[in-house]
Amino acid sequence: MSKSNRIYKLIISSAISVTLIVLILLIVDLKKVILILEHINIKYILIALLFYPIGILFRTFRWKILLSQNKTIKFTSSLVALIYGFMINNLFPVKIGEIARAELISKKINIRRSFAIGTIIAERIIDSILVLILLFISVIFSKTLYSVIQSNWLSLLLVFIFIISLIFFLINRNIQNLFLKIIPEKFKEKAESILLNVYDGIRFYKSKKILLIVICFSLLIWAGLFTRSFILLYALEIKLPLYAYIFIVCAGSLGMVIPSSPGNIGVYHAVSISTLLLFMVNKNDAFIFAIISHALDFFPNVIIGLIIQLNNNLRFFKNPDTKITTN
């Protein structure tokens, strides 16, 4: 990506985030927000924070299993690369942290970077499918959510078609071969190599054992997110039906596809507040939930990621589009 393109995308994403932050600050009462924060039970915040390391462990085990399809992988190597990638996502735009962790793990254990990227795509595929299923389940139990889905059915249908089409393309070598026929000759060999490695990374579904384990860890990851949301809302003395927690987390996940500044600042908060307002949660409470929930991921990722960078003497920050180097 050229420097001008990076600047252009950064300006657009930052403008979206700033606009959303301004709109949020216009609708909330900061005096009431401060008053609520002064009376919140810090014990529940600390309990919710415990779900960060739990979630990271589950994500690391899942990624390790996907990476181990061709080669035995150490847990610590997967853990370091995973957290480092999350840290990059929080400090740089356009989700380049996924490339960062693929590059780092490929250097640590000598595997193909495109294969590592394939395993990350596999994570996204399984998460997307679970999110769609869980959203459908939550909608079944709520007339309010059903009416929202009805009014936005076209957008949701397009998202569903895109996800299914992408999955079909990535797992079907015949379709990929047709695609390669229209690629210019000078790019064909490289494109074929990348697609083959990505295909190797996502073919975990061919092993029933690996598929079952990946699904189990994915369910544990999402269960942890639902539980954390429950704890944070309980700290705010907000009680919602079970399907509401599922919808809040899943809708927030889908909202992350909206371009934003690094760390999804603004976008995450706007999506979280919007979903909570659907369940008649006070806007000030919704704002506090969004801030705390975001902070419980953002700050641990950045702090631990920076420690990893210093300990491994990484040089990724000099140019996010260049390969990670180690000394």
C-alpha atoms as a PDB file:
ATOM      1  CA  MET A   1       0.000   0.000   0.000  1.00  0.00           C
ATOM      2  CA  SER A   2       1.454   3.369  -1.013  1.00  0.00           C
ATOM      3  CA  LYS A   3       2.028   6.152   1.494  1.00  0.00           C
ATOM      4  CA  SER A   4      -0.687   8.312  -0.106  1.00  0.00           C
ATOM      5  CA  ASN A   5      -3.232   5.462   0.157  1.00  0.00           C
ATOM      6  CA  ARG A   6      -2.344   4.935   3.821  1.00  0.00           C
ATOM      7  CA  ILE A   7      -2.829   8.620   4.539  1.00  0.00           C
ATOM      8  CA  TYR A   8      -6.133   8.688   2.611  1.00  0.00           C
ATOM      9  CA  LYS A   9      -7.532   5.670   4.505  1.00  0.00           C
ATOM     10  CA  LEU A  10      -6.300   7.069   7.817  1.00  0.00           C
ATOM     11  CA  ILE A  11      -8.056  10.393   7.167  1.00  0.00           C
ATOM     12  CA  ILE A  12     -11.344   8.697   6.211  1.00  0.00           C
ATOM     13  CA  SER A  13     -11.338   6.245   9.123  1.00  0.00           C
ATOM     14  CA  SER A  14     -10.304   8.935  11.611  1.00  0.00           C
ATOM     15  CA  ALA A  15     -13.050  11.252  10.330  1.00  0.00           C
ATOM     16  CA  ILE A  16     -15.644   8.515  10.921  1.00  0.00           C
ATOM     17  CA  SER A  17     -14.355   7.895  14.456  1.00  0.00           C
ATOM     18  CA  VAL A  18     -14.185  11.578  15.365  1.00  0.00           C
ATOM     19  CA  THR A  19     -17.703  12.180  14.010  1.00  0.00           C
ATOM     20  CA  LEU A  20     -19.106   9.301  16.060  1.00  0.00           C
ATOM     21  CA  ILE A  21     -17.285  10.420  19.213  1.00  0.00           C
ATOM     22  CA  VAL A  22     -18.679  13.950  18.842  1.00  0.00           C
ATOM     23  CA  LEU A  23     -22.209  12.606  18.312  1.00  0.00           C
ATOM     24  CA  ILE A  24     -21.902  10.369  21.368  1.00  0.00           C
ATOM     25  CA  LEU A  25     -20.683  13.245  23.546  1.00  0.00           C
ATOM     26  CA  LEU A  26     -23.612  15.355  22.366  1.00  0.00           C
ATOM     27  CA  ILE A  27     -26.230  12.836  23.512  1.00  0.00           C
ATOM     28  CA  VAL A  28     -24.764  11.807  26.880  1.00  0.00           C
ATOM     29  CA  ASP A  29     -24.706  13.791  30.105  1.00  0.00           C
ATOM     30  CA  LEU A  30     -21.070  13.765  31.237  1.00  0.00           C
ATOM     31  CA  LYS A  31     -21.963  14.941  34.758  1.00  0.00           C
ATOM     32  CA  LYS A  32     -24.273  11.961  35.201  1.00  0.00           C
ATOM     33  CA  VAL A  33     -21.670   9.670  33.650  1.00  0.00           C
ATOM     34  CA  ILE A  34     -19.081  10.785  36.216  1.00  0.00           C
ATOM     35  CA  LEU A  35     -21.607  10.347  39.027  1.00  0.00           C
ATOM     36  CA  ILE A  36     -22.388   6.781  37.898  1.00  0.00           C
ATOM     37  CA  LEU A  37     -18.690   5.945  37.626  1.00  0.00           C
ATOM     38  CA  GLU A  38     -18.097   7.163  41.170  1.00  0.00           C
ATOM     39  CA  HIS A  39     -20.629   4.676  42.514  1.00  0.00           C
ATOM     40  CA  ILE A  40     -19.803   1.675  40.325  1.00  0.00           C
ATOM     41  CA  ASN A  41     -18.487  -1.381  42.181  1.00  0.00           C
ATOM     42  CA  ILE A  42     -14.858  -1.786  41.056  1.00  0.00           C
ATOM     43  CA  LYS A  43     -14.993  -5.452  42.116  1.00  0.00           C
ATOM     44  CA  TYR A  44     -17.108  -6.303  39.075  1.00  0.00           C
ATOM     45  CA  ILE A  45     -14.733  -4.455  36.748  1.00  0.00           C
ATOM     46  CA  LEU A  46     -11.817  -6.513  38.062  1.00  0.00           C
ATOM     47  CA  ILE A  47     -13.797  -9.722  37.623  1.00  0.00           C
ATOM     48  CA  ALA A  48     -14.628  -8.702  34.051  1.00  0.00           C
ATOM     49  CA  LEU A  49     -10.923  -7.985  33.442  1.00  0.00           C
ATOM     50  CA  LEU A  50     -10.149 -11.635  34.234  1.00  0.00           C
ATOM     51  CA  PHE A  51     -11.906 -12.592  31.013  1.00  0.00           C
ATOM     52  CA  TYR A  52      -9.150 -10.916  28.983  1.00  0.00           C
ATOM     53  CA  PRO A  53      -6.453 -13.531  29.781  1.00  0.00           C
ATOM     54  CA  ILE A  54      -9.069 -16.296  29.600  1.00  0.00           C
ATOM     55  CA  GLY A  55     -10.147 -15.155  26.135  1.00  0.00           C
ATOM     56  CA  ILE A  56      -6.535 -14.802  24.971  1.00  0.00           C
ATOM     57  CA  LEU A  57      -5.752 -18.346  26.134  1.00  0.00           C
ATOM     58  CA  PHE A  58      -8.748 -19.760  24.257  1.00  0.00           C
ATOM     59  CA  ARG A  59      -7.840 -17.780  21.113  1.00  0.00           C
ATOM     60  CA  THR A  60      -4.230 -18.931  21.333  1.00  0.00           C
ATOM     61  CA  PHE A  61      -5.200 -22.613  21.698  1.00  0.00           C
ATOM     62  CA  ARG A  62      -7.543 -22.279  18.721  1.00  0.00           C
ATOM     63  CA  TRP A  63      -4.911 -20.634  16.531  1.00  0.00           C
ATOM     64  CA  LYS A  64      -2.246 -23.131  17.637  1.00  0.00           C
ATOM     65  CA  ILE A  65      -4.483 -25.984  16.504  1.00  0.00           C
ATOM     66  CA  LEU A  66      -5.017 -24.359  13.113  1.00  0.00           C
ATOM     67  CA  LEU A  67      -1.295 -23.662  12.706  1.00  0.00           C
ATOM     68  CA  SER A  68      -0.409 -27.224  13.759  1.00  0.00           C
ATOM     69  CA  GLN A  69      -2.074 -28.775  10.699  1.00  0.00           C
ATOM     70  CA  ASN A  70       1.341 -29.007   9.008  1.00  0.00           C
ATOM     71  CA  LYS A  71       3.804 -28.493  11.843  1.00  0.00           C
ATOM     72  CA  THR A  72       3.992 -28.734  15.645  1.00  0.00           C
ATOM     73  CA  ILE A  73       3.670 -25.251  17.130  1.00  0.00           C
ATOM     74  CA  LYS A  74       4.664 -24.057  20.585  1.00  0.00           C
ATOM     75  CA  PHE A  75       1.923 -22.423  22.609  1.00  0.00           C
ATOM     76  CA  THR A  76       4.169 -19.497  23.569  1.00  0.00           C
ATOM     77  CA  SER A  77       4.992 -18.730  19.921  1.00  0.00           C
ATOM     78  CA  SER A  78       1.290 -18.549  19.063  1.00  0.00           C
ATOM     79  CA  LEU A  79       0.557 -16.466  22.163  1.00  0.00           C
ATOM     80  CA  VAL A  80       3.273 -13.881  21.478  1.00  0.00           C
ATOM     81  CA  ALA A  81       2.285 -13.442  17.828  1.00  0.00           C
ATOM     82  CA  LEU A  82      -1.423 -13.258  18.650  1.00  0.00           C
ATOM     83  CA  ILE A  83      -1.114 -10.524  21.293  1.00  0.00           C
ATOM     84  CA  TYR A  84       1.387  -8.611  19.154  1.00  0.00           C
ATOM     85  CA  GLY A  85      -1.065  -8.645  16.249  1.00  0.00           C
ATOM     86  CA  PHE A  86      -3.867  -7.388  18.490  1.00  0.00           C
ATOM     87  CA  MET A  87      -1.614  -4.580  19.708  1.00  0.00           C
ATOM     88  CA  ILE A  88      -0.863  -3.525  16.111  1.00  0.00           C
ATOM     89  CA  ASN A  89      -4.604  -3.511  15.338  1.00  0.00           C
ATOM     90  CA  ASN A  90      -5.114  -1.157  18.283  1.00  0.00           C
ATOM     91  CA  LEU A  91      -2.384   1.249  17.176  1.00  0.00           C
ATOM     92  CA  PHE A  92      -2.650   1.139  13.365  1.00  0.00           C
ATOM     93  CA  PRO A  93      -5.653   1.362  11.020  1.00  0.00           C
ATOM     94  CA  VAL A  94      -7.069  -1.144   8.468  1.00  0.00           C
ATOM     95  CA  LYS A  95      -6.470  -4.272  10.610  1.00  0.00           C
ATOM     96  CA  ILE A  96      -2.819  -4.689   9.593  1.00  0.00           C
ATOM     97  CA  GLY A  97      -2.251  -6.475  12.885  1.00  0.00           C
ATOM     98  CA  GLU A  98      -3.430  -9.669  11.183  1.00  0.00           C
ATOM     99  CA  ILE A  99      -0.545  -9.358   8.716  1.00  0.00           C
ATOM    100  CA  ALA A 100       1.799  -8.542  11.601  1.00  0.00           C
ATOM    101  CA  ARG A 101       1.003 -11.688  13.553  1.00  0.00           C
ATOM    102  CA  ALA A 102       1.172 -13.838  10.422  1.00  0.00           C
ATOM    103  CA  GLU A 103       4.591 -12.371   9.635  1.00  0.00           C
ATOM    104  CA  LEU A 104       5.840 -12.805  13.190  1.00  0.00           C
ATOM    105  CA  ILE A 105       4.688 -16.418  13.539  1.00  0.00           C
ATOM    106  CA  SER A 106       6.169 -17.286  10.132  1.00  0.00           C
ATOM    107  CA  LYS A 107       9.558 -16.017  11.298  1.00  0.00           C
ATOM    108  CA  LYS A 108       9.362 -17.681  14.701  1.00  0.00           C
ATOM    109  CA  ILE A 109       8.503 -21.177  13.476  1.00  0.00           C
ATOM    110  CA  ASN A 110       9.525 -21.005   9.806  1.00  0.00           C
ATOM    111  CA  ILE A 111       6.155 -21.493   8.118  1.00  0.00           C
ATOM    112  CA  ARG A 112       4.734 -19.783   5.045  1.00  0.00           C
ATOM    113  CA  ARG A 113       3.197 -16.399   5.806  1.00  0.00           C
ATOM    114  CA  SER A 114       0.303 -17.012   3.422  1.00  0.00           C
ATOM    115  CA  PHE A 115      -0.458 -20.270   5.281  1.00  0.00           C
ATOM    116  CA  ALA A 116      -0.538 -18.328   8.556  1.00  0.00           C
ATOM    117  CA  ILE A 117      -2.866 -15.786   6.961  1.00  0.00           C
ATOM    118  CA  GLY A 118      -5.038 -18.706   5.849  1.00  0.00           C
ATOM    119  CA  THR A 119      -5.396 -19.841   9.458  1.00  0.00           C
ATOM    120  CA  ILE A 120      -6.385 -16.291  10.481  1.00  0.00           C
ATOM    121  CA  ILE A 121      -8.992 -16.271   7.701  1.00  0.00           C
ATOM    122  CA  ALA A 122     -10.217 -19.605   9.079  1.00  0.00           C
ATOM    123  CA  GLU A 123     -10.704 -17.940  12.471  1.00  0.00           C
ATOM    124  CA  ARG A 124     -12.704 -15.150  10.852  1.00  0.00           C
ATOM    125  CA  ILE A 125     -14.851 -17.617   8.912  1.00  0.00           C
ATOM    126  CA  ILE A 126     -15.790 -19.692  11.948  1.00  0.00           C
ATOM    127  CA  ASP A 127     -16.452 -16.544  14.017  1.00  0.00           C
ATOM    128  CA  SER A 128     -18.605 -15.036  11.254  1.00  0.00           C
ATOM    129  CA  ILE A 129     -20.710 -18.188  10.964  1.00  0.00           C
ATOM    130  CA  LEU A 130     -21.161 -18.366  14.753  1.00  0.00           C
ATOM    131  CA  VAL A 131     -22.097 -14.672  14.920  1.00  0.00           C
ATOM    132  CA  LEU A 132     -24.756 -15.095  12.238  1.00  0.00           C
ATOM    133  CA  ILE A 133     -26.184 -18.181  13.973  1.00  0.00           C
ATOM    134  CA  LEU A 134     -26.208 -16.500  17.392  1.00  0.00           C
ATOM    135  CA  LEU A 135     -27.766 -13.339  15.980  1.00  0.00           C
ATOM    136  CA  PHE A 136     -30.506 -15.438  14.414  1.00  0.00           C
ATOM    137  CA  ILE A 137     -31.134 -17.165  17.745  1.00  0.00           C
ATOM    138  CA  SER A 138     -31.320 -13.861  19.619  1.00  0.00           C
ATOM    139  CA  VAL A 139     -33.730 -12.389  17.056  1.00  0.00           C
ATOM    140  CA  ILE A 140     -36.122 -15.338  17.463  1.00  0.00           C
ATOM    141  CA  PHE A 141     -36.762 -14.388  21.104  1.00  0.00           C
ATOM    142  CA  SER A 142     -37.220 -10.638  20.631  1.00  0.00           C
ATOM    143  CA  LYS A 143     -39.976  -8.788  18.762  1.00  0.00           C
ATOM    144  CA  THR A 144     -37.898  -5.586  18.931  1.00  0.00           C
ATOM    145  CA  LEU A 145     -34.896  -7.230  17.292  1.00  0.00           C
ATOM    146  CA  TYR A 146     -37.137  -8.890  14.720  1.00  0.00           C
ATOM    147  CA  SER A 147     -38.516  -5.502  13.668  1.00  0.00           C
ATOM    148  CA  VAL A 148     -34.970  -4.111  13.409  1.00  0.00           C
ATOM    149  CA  ILE A 149     -33.940  -7.025  11.204  1.00  0.00           C
ATOM    150  CA  GLN A 150     -37.001  -6.518   9.013  1.00  0.00           C
ATOM    151  CA  SER A 151     -36.129  -2.882   8.426  1.00  0.00           C
ATOM    152  CA  ASN A 152     -32.511  -3.737   7.559  1.00  0.00           C
ATOM    153  CA  TRP A 153     -33.001  -7.084   5.848  1.00  0.00           C
ATOM    154  CA  LEU A 154     -31.312  -6.042   2.587  1.00  0.00           C
ATOM    155  CA  SER A 155     -28.073  -4.978   4.281  1.00  0.00           C
ATOM    156  CA  LEU A 156     -27.964  -8.174   6.328  1.00  0.00           C
ATOM    157  CA  LEU A 157     -28.693 -10.260   3.238  1.00  0.00           C
ATOM    158  CA  LEU A 158     -25.778  -8.644   1.386  1.00  0.00           C
ATOM    159  CA  VAL A 159     -23.455  -9.343   4.331  1.00  0.00           C
ATOM    160  CA  PHE A 160     -24.631 -12.965   4.438  1.00  0.00           C
ATOM    161  CA  ILE A 161     -24.135 -13.406   0.661  1.00  0.00           C
ATOM    162  CA  PHE A 162     -20.656 -11.876   0.853  1.00  0.00           C
ATOM    163  CA  ILE A 163     -19.558 -14.173   3.702  1.00  0.00           C
ATOM    164  CA  ILE A 164     -20.928 -17.306   2.009  1.00  0.00           C
ATOM    165  CA  SER A 165     -19.382 -16.345  -1.344  1.00  0.00           C
ATOM    166  CA  LEU A 166     -15.996 -15.722   0.262  1.00  0.00           C
ATOM    167  CA  ILE A 167     -16.093 -19.048   2.090  1.00  0.00           C
ATOM    168  CA  PHE A 168     -17.086 -20.882  -1.105  1.00  0.00           C
ATOM    169  CA  PHE A 169     -14.263 -19.228  -3.036  1.00  0.00           C
ATOM    170  CA  LEU A 170     -11.617 -20.023  -0.411  1.00  0.00           C
ATOM    171  CA  ILE A 171     -12.505 -23.715  -0.042  1.00  0.00           C
ATOM    172  CA  ASN A 172     -13.110 -24.486  -3.729  1.00  0.00           C
ATOM    173  CA  ARG A 173      -9.971 -25.021  -5.802  1.00  0.00           C
ATOM    174  CA  ASN A 174     -11.949 -25.196  -9.063  1.00  0.00           C
ATOM    175  CA  ILE A 175     -13.335 -21.688  -8.540  1.00  0.00           C
ATOM    176  CA  GLN A 176      -9.853 -20.470  -7.631  1.00  0.00           C
ATOM    177  CA  ASN A 177      -8.464 -21.957 -10.842  1.00  0.00           C
ATOM    178  CA  LEU A 178     -11.089 -20.102 -12.861  1.00  0.00           C
ATOM    179  CA  PHE A 179     -10.101 -16.922 -11.054  1.00  0.00           C
ATOM    180  CA  LEU A 180      -6.409 -17.519 -11.847  1.00  0.00           C
ATOM    181  CA  LYS A 181      -7.188 -17.705 -15.572  1.00  0.00           C
ATOM    182  CA  ILE A 182      -8.113 -14.009 -15.623  1.00  0.00           C
ATOM    183  CA  ILE A 183      -5.029 -12.941 -13.646  1.00  0.00           C
ATOM    184  CA  PRO A 184      -2.194 -11.413 -15.736  1.00  0.00           C
ATOM    185  CA  GLU A 185       0.661 -13.852 -16.304  1.00  0.00           C
ATOM    186  CA  LYS A 186       3.200 -11.832 -14.318  1.00  0.00           C
ATOM    187  CA  PHE A 187       0.999 -12.105 -11.193  1.00  0.00           C
ATOM    188  CA  LYS A 188      -0.406 -15.588 -11.789  1.00  0.00           C
ATOM    189  CA  GLU A 189       2.369 -17.625 -10.159  1.00  0.00           C
ATOM    190  CA  LYS A 190       2.400 -15.494  -7.020  1.00  0.00           C
ATOM    191  CA  ALA A 191      -1.417 -15.462  -6.793  1.00  0.00           C
ATOM    192  CA  GLU A 192      -1.572 -19.229  -7.212  1.00  0.00           C
ATOM    193  CA  SER A 193       1.012 -19.755  -4.472  1.00  0.00           C
ATOM    194  CA  ILE A 194      -0.860 -17.458  -2.060  1.00  0.00           C
ATOM    195  CA  LEU A 195      -4.247 -19.064  -2.774  1.00  0.00           C
ATOM    196  CA  LEU A 196      -2.791 -22.549  -2.311  1.00  0.00           C
ATOM    197  CA  ASN A 197      -1.221 -21.625   1.031  1.00  0.00           C
ATOM    198  CA  VAL A 198      -4.395 -19.901   2.204  1.00  0.00           C
ATOM    199  CA  TYR A 199      -6.367 -22.979   1.145  1.00  0.00           C
ATOM    200  CA  ASP A 200      -4.012 -25.136   3.221  1.00  0.00           C
ATOM    201  CA  GLY A 201      -4.619 -22.842   6.182  1.00  0.00           C
ATOM    202  CA  ILE A 202      -8.421 -23.115   6.069  1.00  0.00           C
ATOM    203  CA  ARG A 203      -8.787 -26.805   5.223  1.00  0.00           C
ATOM    204  CA  PHE A 204      -9.120 -27.660   8.917  1.00  0.00           C
ATOM    205  CA  TYR A 205     -12.763 -28.499   8.233  1.00  0.00           C
ATOM    206  CA  LYS A 206     -11.652 -31.699   6.478  1.00  0.00           C
ATOM    207  CA  SER A 207     -10.570 -33.136   9.822  1.00  0.00           C
ATOM    208  CA  LYS A 208     -13.582 -33.807  12.050  1.00  0.00           C
ATOM    209  CA  LYS A 209     -11.370 -33.790  15.139  1.00  0.00           C
ATOM    210  CA  ILE A 210      -9.776 -30.412  14.377  1.00  0.00           C
ATOM    211  CA  LEU A 211     -13.118 -28.954  13.314  1.00  0.00           C
ATOM    212  CA  LEU A 212     -14.762 -30.045  16.556  1.00  0.00           C
ATOM    213  CA  ILE A 213     -11.940 -28.652  18.693  1.00  0.00           C
ATOM    214  CA  VAL A 214     -11.917 -25.329  16.811  1.00  0.00           C
ATOM    215  CA  ILE A 215     -15.695 -24.991  17.197  1.00  0.00           C
ATOM    216  CA  CYS A 216     -15.473 -25.775  20.937  1.00  0.00           C
ATOM    217  CA  PHE A 217     -12.784 -23.150  21.521  1.00  0.00           C
ATOM    218  CA  SER A 218     -14.745 -20.652  19.423  1.00  0.00           C
ATOM    219  CA  LEU A 219     -17.849 -21.231  21.542  1.00  0.00           C
ATOM    220  CA  LEU A 220     -15.770 -20.760  24.699  1.00  0.00           C
ATOM    221  CA  ILE A 221     -14.384 -17.482  23.333  1.00  0.00           C
ATOM    222  CA  TRP A 222     -17.853 -16.114  22.627  1.00  0.00           C
ATOM    223  CA  ALA A 223     -19.259 -17.444  25.899  1.00  0.00           C
ATOM    224  CA  GLY A 224     -16.537 -15.491  27.695  1.00  0.00           C
ATOM    225  CA  LEU A 225     -17.519 -12.307  25.851  1.00  0.00           C
ATOM    226  CA  PHE A 226     -21.186 -12.802  26.735  1.00  0.00           C
ATOM    227  CA  THR A 227     -20.308 -13.407  30.393  1.00  0.00           C
ATOM    228  CA  ARG A 228     -18.114 -10.322  30.548  1.00  0.00           C
ATOM    229  CA  SER A 229     -20.930  -8.195  29.118  1.00  0.00           C
ATOM    230  CA  PHE A 230     -23.291  -9.645  31.719  1.00  0.00           C
ATOM    231  CA  ILE A 231     -20.878  -8.754  34.545  1.00  0.00           C
ATOM    232  CA  LEU A 232     -20.345  -5.186  33.308  1.00  0.00           C
ATOM    233  CA  LEU A 233     -24.070  -4.559  32.897  1.00  0.00           C
ATOM    234  CA  TYR A 234     -24.721  -6.130  36.295  1.00  0.00           C
ATOM    235  CA  ALA A 235     -22.223  -3.652  37.769  1.00  0.00           C
ATOM    236  CA  LEU A 236     -24.411  -0.914  36.297  1.00  0.00           C
ATOM    237  CA  GLU A 237     -27.469  -2.580  37.845  1.00  0.00           C
ATOM    238  CA  ILE A 238     -28.837  -3.431  34.403  1.00  0.00           C
ATOM    239  CA  LYS A 239     -30.570  -6.784  33.935  1.00  0.00           C
ATOM    240  CA  LEU A 240     -31.452  -7.983  30.449  1.00  0.00           C
ATOM    241  CA  PRO A 241     -32.747 -11.276  28.998  1.00  0.00           C
ATOM    242  CA  LEU A 242     -30.111 -13.781  27.910  1.00  0.00           C
ATOM    243  CA  TYR A 243     -30.637 -13.172  24.192  1.00  0.00           C
ATOM    244  CA  ALA A 244     -29.880  -9.458  24.727  1.00  0.00           C
ATOM    245  CA  TYR A 245     -26.293 -10.191  25.842  1.00  0.00           C
ATOM    246  CA  ILE A 246     -25.826 -12.400  22.789  1.00  0.00           C
ATOM    247  CA  PHE A 247     -27.151  -9.726  20.455  1.00  0.00           C
ATOM    248  CA  ILE A 248     -25.085  -6.914  22.033  1.00  0.00           C
ATOM    249  CA  VAL A 249     -21.796  -8.791  21.643  1.00  0.00           C
ATOM    250  CA  CYS A 250     -22.531 -10.162  18.155  1.00  0.00           C
ATOM    251  CA  ALA A 251     -23.805  -6.829  16.818  1.00  0.00           C
ATOM    252  CA  GLY A 252     -20.707  -5.161  18.221  1.00  0.00           C
ATOM    253  CA  SER A 253     -18.533  -7.692  16.411  1.00  0.00           C
ATOM    254  CA  LEU A 254     -20.260  -7.060  13.078  1.00  0.00           C
ATOM    255  CA  GLY A 255     -19.941  -3.326  13.629  1.00  0.00           C
ATOM    256  CA  MET A 256     -16.160  -3.647  13.595  1.00  0.00           C
ATOM    257  CA  VAL A 257     -16.194  -3.910   9.795  1.00  0.00           C
ATOM    258  CA  ILE A 258     -16.986  -0.175   9.687  1.00  0.00           C
ATOM    259  CA  PRO A 259     -13.800   1.813   8.891  1.00  0.00           C
ATOM    260  CA  SER A 260     -12.500   3.591  11.974  1.00  0.00           C
ATOM    261  CA  SER A 261      -9.403   4.874  13.671  1.00  0.00           C
ATOM    262  CA  PRO A 262      -6.993   2.344  15.220  1.00  0.00           C
ATOM    263  CA  GLY A 263      -8.562   0.312  18.010  1.00  0.00           C
ATOM    264  CA  ASN A 264     -12.092   0.864  16.631  1.00  0.00           C
ATOM    265  CA  ILE A 265     -12.376   3.944  18.838  1.00  0.00           C
ATOM    266  CA  GLY A 266     -15.697   5.642  18.234  1.00  0.00           C
ATOM    267  CA  VAL A 267     -17.175   2.884  16.103  1.00  0.00           C
ATOM    268  CA  TYR A 268     -17.135   0.300  18.888  1.00  0.00           C
ATOM    269  CA  HIS A 269     -18.708   2.764  21.303  1.00  0.00           C
ATOM    270  CA  ALA A 270     -21.392   3.888  18.835  1.00  0.00           C
ATOM    271  CA  VAL A 271     -22.386   0.309  17.976  1.00  0.00           C
ATOM    272  CA  SER A 272     -22.458  -0.776  21.627  1.00  0.00           C
ATOM    273  CA  ILE A 273     -24.555   2.227  22.670  1.00  0.00           C
ATOM    274  CA  SER A 274     -26.961   1.732  19.754  1.00  0.00           C
ATOM    275  CA  THR A 275     -27.578  -1.918  20.586  1.00  0.00           C
ATOM    276  CA  LEU A 276     -28.122  -1.162  24.276  1.00  0.00           C
ATOM    277  CA  LEU A 277     -30.598   1.593  23.413  1.00  0.00           C
ATOM    278  CA  LEU A 278     -32.675  -1.047  21.615  1.00  0.00           C
ATOM    279  CA  PHE A 279     -33.195  -2.676  25.006  1.00  0.00           C
ATOM    280  CA  MET A 280     -34.176   0.628  26.637  1.00  0.00           C
ATOM    281  CA  VAL A 281     -30.890   1.006  28.520  1.00  0.00           C
ATOM    282  CA  ASN A 282     -30.171   4.552  29.663  1.00  0.00           C
ATOM    283  CA  LYS A 283     -27.811   6.307  27.240  1.00  0.00           C
ATOM    284  CA  ASN A 284     -25.396   7.277  30.027  1.00  0.00           C
ATOM    285  CA  ASP A 285     -25.204   3.682  31.291  1.00  0.00           C
ATOM    286  CA  ALA A 286     -24.737   2.483  27.720  1.00  0.00           C
ATOM    287  CA  PHE A 287     -21.880   4.948  27.266  1.00  0.00           C
ATOM    288  CA  ILE A 288     -20.146   3.734  30.427  1.00  0.00           C
ATOM    289  CA  PHE A 289     -20.557   0.098  29.348  1.00  0.00           C
ATOM    290  CA  ALA A 290     -19.003   0.893  25.948  1.00  0.00           C
ATOM    291  CA  ILE A 291     -16.036   2.730  27.494  1.00  0.00           C
ATOM    292  CA  ILE A 292     -15.231   0.043  30.074  1.00  0.00           C
ATOM    293  CA  SER A 293     -15.792  -2.883  27.712  1.00  0.00           C
ATOM    294  CA  HIS A 294     -13.500  -1.330  25.097  1.00  0.00           C
ATOM    295  CA  ALA A 295     -10.838  -0.431  27.674  1.00  0.00           C
ATOM    296  CA  LEU A 296     -10.720  -4.006  29.035  1.00  0.00           C
ATOM    297  CA  ASP A 297      -9.451  -5.166  25.638  1.00  0.00           C
ATOM    298  CA  PHE A 298      -7.587  -2.108  24.386  1.00  0.00           C
ATOM    299  CA  PHE A 299      -5.197  -1.404  27.250  1.00  0.00           C
ATOM    300  CA  PRO A 300      -4.108  -5.001  28.048  1.00  0.00           C
ATOM    301  CA  ASN A 301      -3.471  -5.622  24.333  1.00  0.00           C
ATOM    302  CA  VAL A 302      -1.382  -2.470  23.949  1.00  0.00           C
ATOM    303  CA  ILE A 303       0.588  -2.831  27.191  1.00  0.00           C
ATOM    304  CA  ILE A 304       1.421  -6.528  26.760  1.00  0.00           C
ATOM    305  CA  GLY A 305       2.040  -6.043  23.018  1.00  0.00           C
ATOM    306  CA  LEU A 306       4.561  -3.269  23.671  1.00  0.00           C
ATOM    307  CA  ILE A 307       6.340  -5.492  26.191  1.00  0.00           C
ATOM    308  CA  ILE A 308       6.507  -8.238  23.554  1.00  0.00           C
ATOM    309  CA  GLN A 309       7.903  -5.763  21.033  1.00  0.00           C
ATOM    310  CA  LEU A 310      10.643  -4.627  23.414  1.00  0.00           C
ATOM    311  CA  ASN A 311      11.554  -8.165  24.530  1.00  0.00           C
ATOM    312  CA  ASN A 312      11.751  -9.426  20.942  1.00  0.00           C
ATOM    313  CA  ASN A 313      13.394  -6.261  19.576  1.00  0.00           C
ATOM    314  CA  LEU A 314      10.794  -6.029  16.798  1.00  0.00           C
ATOM    315  CA  ARG A 315      10.956  -3.287  14.174  1.00  0.00           C
ATOM    316  CA  PHE A 316       7.425  -3.211  12.829  1.00  0.00           C
ATOM    317  CA  PHE A 317       6.570   0.366  13.781  1.00  0.00           C
ATOM    318  CA  LYS A 318       9.040   1.918  11.353  1.00  0.00           C
ATOM    319  CA  ASN A 319       6.820   1.043   8.411  1.00  0.00           C
ATOM    320  CA  PRO A 320       3.624  -0.950   8.961  1.00  0.00           C
ATOM    321  CA  ASP A 321       3.661  -2.239   5.394  1.00  0.00           C
ATOM    322  CA  THR A 322       7.143  -3.717   5.564  1.00  0.00           C
ATOM    323  CA  LYS A 323       8.040  -7.083   6.987  1.00  0.00           C
ATOM    324  CA  ILE A 324       8.746  -7.436  10.697  1.00  0.00           C
ATOM    325  CA  THR A 325      12.436  -7.676  11.400  1.00  0.00           C
ATOM    326  CA  THR A 326      14.188  -8.994  14.462  1.00  0.00           C
ATOM    327  CA  ASN A 327      17.717  -8.435  15.649  1.00  0.00           C
END
